[in-house]
Amino acid sequence: MRIARFSVDDEPKYGVVETDDPEGLVGTVSVLDSDPLYRAAQFTGEKLQLADVRLLAPVIPRSKVVCVGRNYAAHAEELGNEVP
């Protein structure tokens, strides 16, 4: 599943890109009702042509970034954990 942030008529939205094109340039976008990083999003039923939307940066700036320290090899070793 490819979730995209895009704009139509200068209004930012989120959607799921559906394409069979190996380069991902031709297809549709199924519009979501909200930002899927904040809450469970639902499809609105609206579908747009990928060529008719303007793709934006995938996420908007957030107030903080949350990471799991074990994703870093040095920190995992420091804790005596297996490196993922």
C-alpha atoms as a PDB file:
ATOM      1  CA  MET A   1       0.000   0.000   0.000  1.00  0.00           C
ATOM      2  CA  ARG A   2       1.383   3.406  -0.981  1.00  0.00           C
ATOM      3  CA  ILE A   3      -0.005   6.263   1.078  1.00  0.00           C
ATOM      4  CA  ALA A   4       0.513   9.667  -0.474  1.00  0.00           C
ATOM      5  CA  ARG A   5       0.023  13.266   0.580  1.00  0.00           C
ATOM      6  CA  PHE A   6      -1.165  15.360  -2.348  1.00  0.00           C
ATOM      7  CA  SER A   7      -3.064  18.502  -3.236  1.00  0.00           C
ATOM      8  CA  VAL A   8      -6.000  19.198  -5.492  1.00  0.00           C
ATOM      9  CA  ASP A   9      -7.008  22.827  -6.015  1.00  0.00           C
ATOM     10  CA  ASP A  10      -4.424  23.812  -3.348  1.00  0.00           C
ATOM     11  CA  GLU A  11      -6.146  21.651  -0.718  1.00  0.00           C
ATOM     12  CA  PRO A  12      -3.820  19.046   0.864  1.00  0.00           C
ATOM     13  CA  LYS A  13      -5.250  15.536   1.236  1.00  0.00           C
ATOM     14  CA  TYR A  14      -4.101  11.976   1.854  1.00  0.00           C
ATOM     15  CA  GLY A  15      -4.811   8.950  -0.257  1.00  0.00           C
ATOM     16  CA  VAL A  16      -3.743   5.493  -1.344  1.00  0.00           C
ATOM     17  CA  VAL A  17      -2.023   5.287  -4.732  1.00  0.00           C
ATOM     18  CA  GLU A  18      -3.183   2.396  -6.891  1.00  0.00           C
ATOM     19  CA  THR A  19      -1.093   1.654  -9.966  1.00  0.00           C
ATOM     20  CA  ASP A  20       0.110  -1.236 -12.103  1.00  0.00           C
ATOM     21  CA  ASP A  21       2.625   1.002 -13.843  1.00  0.00           C
ATOM     22  CA  PRO A  22       6.167  -0.121 -12.899  1.00  0.00           C
ATOM     23  CA  GLU A  23       7.268   3.522 -12.649  1.00  0.00           C
ATOM     24  CA  GLY A  24       4.167   4.516 -10.652  1.00  0.00           C
ATOM     25  CA  LEU A  25       3.275   7.385 -12.965  1.00  0.00           C
ATOM     26  CA  VAL A  26      -0.148   6.220 -14.172  1.00  0.00           C
ATOM     27  CA  GLY A  27      -2.944   5.239 -11.807  1.00  0.00           C
ATOM     28  CA  THR A  28      -5.502   6.507  -9.343  1.00  0.00           C
ATOM     29  CA  VAL A  29      -5.551   7.877  -5.809  1.00  0.00           C
ATOM     30  CA  SER A  30      -8.277   6.694  -3.417  1.00  0.00           C
ATOM     31  CA  VAL A  31      -8.852   9.647  -1.079  1.00  0.00           C
ATOM     32  CA  LEU A  32      -8.659   9.201   2.715  1.00  0.00           C
ATOM     33  CA  ASP A  33     -10.696  11.295   5.157  1.00  0.00           C
ATOM     34  CA  SER A  34      -7.748  12.287   7.373  1.00  0.00           C
ATOM     35  CA  ASP A  35      -4.029  12.097   8.067  1.00  0.00           C
ATOM     36  CA  PRO A  36      -3.348   8.375   8.654  1.00  0.00           C
ATOM     37  CA  LEU A  37      -0.500   9.170  11.066  1.00  0.00           C
ATOM     38  CA  TYR A  38      -2.937  10.756  13.541  1.00  0.00           C
ATOM     39  CA  ARG A  39      -5.838   8.313  13.509  1.00  0.00           C
ATOM     40  CA  ALA A  40      -7.282   5.422  11.552  1.00  0.00           C
ATOM     41  CA  ALA A  41      -8.295   6.858   8.202  1.00  0.00           C
ATOM     42  CA  GLN A  42     -11.285   5.768   6.170  1.00  0.00           C
ATOM     43  CA  PHE A  43     -11.768   5.947   2.416  1.00  0.00           C
ATOM     44  CA  THR A  44     -14.104   8.725   1.275  1.00  0.00           C
ATOM     45  CA  GLY A  45     -15.103   6.886  -1.909  1.00  0.00           C
ATOM     46  CA  GLU A  46     -13.527   9.607  -4.065  1.00  0.00           C
ATOM     47  CA  LYS A  47     -10.956   8.459  -6.648  1.00  0.00           C
ATOM     48  CA  LEU A  48      -8.725  10.828  -8.577  1.00  0.00           C
ATOM     49  CA  GLN A  49      -6.384  10.273 -11.483  1.00  0.00           C
ATOM     50  CA  LEU A  50      -2.773  10.384 -10.369  1.00  0.00           C
ATOM     51  CA  ALA A  51      -2.012  12.750 -13.256  1.00  0.00           C
ATOM     52  CA  ASP A  52      -4.562  15.249 -11.862  1.00  0.00           C
ATOM     53  CA  VAL A  53      -2.993  15.625  -8.401  1.00  0.00           C
ATOM     54  CA  ARG A  54       0.173  17.305  -7.187  1.00  0.00           C
ATOM     55  CA  LEU A  55       2.219  15.014  -4.946  1.00  0.00           C
ATOM     56  CA  LEU A  56       3.574  16.669  -1.791  1.00  0.00           C
ATOM     57  CA  ALA A  57       6.188  15.733   0.788  1.00  0.00           C
ATOM     58  CA  PRO A  58       4.965  12.515   2.432  1.00  0.00           C
ATOM     59  CA  VAL A  59       4.638  13.914   5.967  1.00  0.00           C
ATOM     60  CA  ILE A  60       4.108  17.348   7.393  1.00  0.00           C
ATOM     61  CA  PRO A  61       6.488  18.625  10.086  1.00  0.00           C
ATOM     62  CA  ARG A  62       5.622  17.137  13.471  1.00  0.00           C
ATOM     63  CA  SER A  63       6.376  18.422  16.943  1.00  0.00           C
ATOM     64  CA  LYS A  64       8.600  15.438  17.737  1.00  0.00           C
ATOM     65  CA  VAL A  65      10.133  12.323  16.273  1.00  0.00           C
ATOM     66  CA  VAL A  66       9.795   9.077  18.212  1.00  0.00           C
ATOM     67  CA  CYS A  67      12.401   6.362  17.589  1.00  0.00           C
ATOM     68  CA  VAL A  68      13.185   2.952  18.996  1.00  0.00           C
ATOM     69  CA  GLY A  69      16.803   2.916  20.133  1.00  0.00           C
ATOM     70  CA  ARG A  70      17.279  -0.728  19.245  1.00  0.00           C
ATOM     71  CA  ASN A  71      17.093   0.271  15.606  1.00  0.00           C
ATOM     72  CA  TYR A  72      20.623   1.616  16.026  1.00  0.00           C
ATOM     73  CA  ALA A  73      23.297  -1.094  16.059  1.00  0.00           C
ATOM     74  CA  ALA A  74      25.520   0.602  18.642  1.00  0.00           C
ATOM     75  CA  HIS A  75      22.638   1.114  21.081  1.00  0.00           C
ATOM     76  CA  ALA A  76      21.371  -2.461  20.667  1.00  0.00           C
ATOM     77  CA  GLU A  77      24.850  -3.809  21.394  1.00  0.00           C
ATOM     78  CA  GLU A  78      25.167  -1.452  24.391  1.00  0.00           C
ATOM     79  CA  LEU A  79      21.989  -2.960  25.866  1.00  0.00           C
ATOM     80  CA  GLY A  80      23.135  -6.489  25.076  1.00  0.00           C
ATOM     81  CA  ASN A  81      20.281  -6.994  22.594  1.00  0.00           C
ATOM     82  CA  GLU A  82      20.364  -8.668  19.221  1.00  0.00           C
ATOM     83  CA  VAL A  83      20.883  -6.198  16.390  1.00  0.00           C
ATOM     84  CA  PRO A  84      17.705  -6.163  14.249  1.00  0.00           C
END
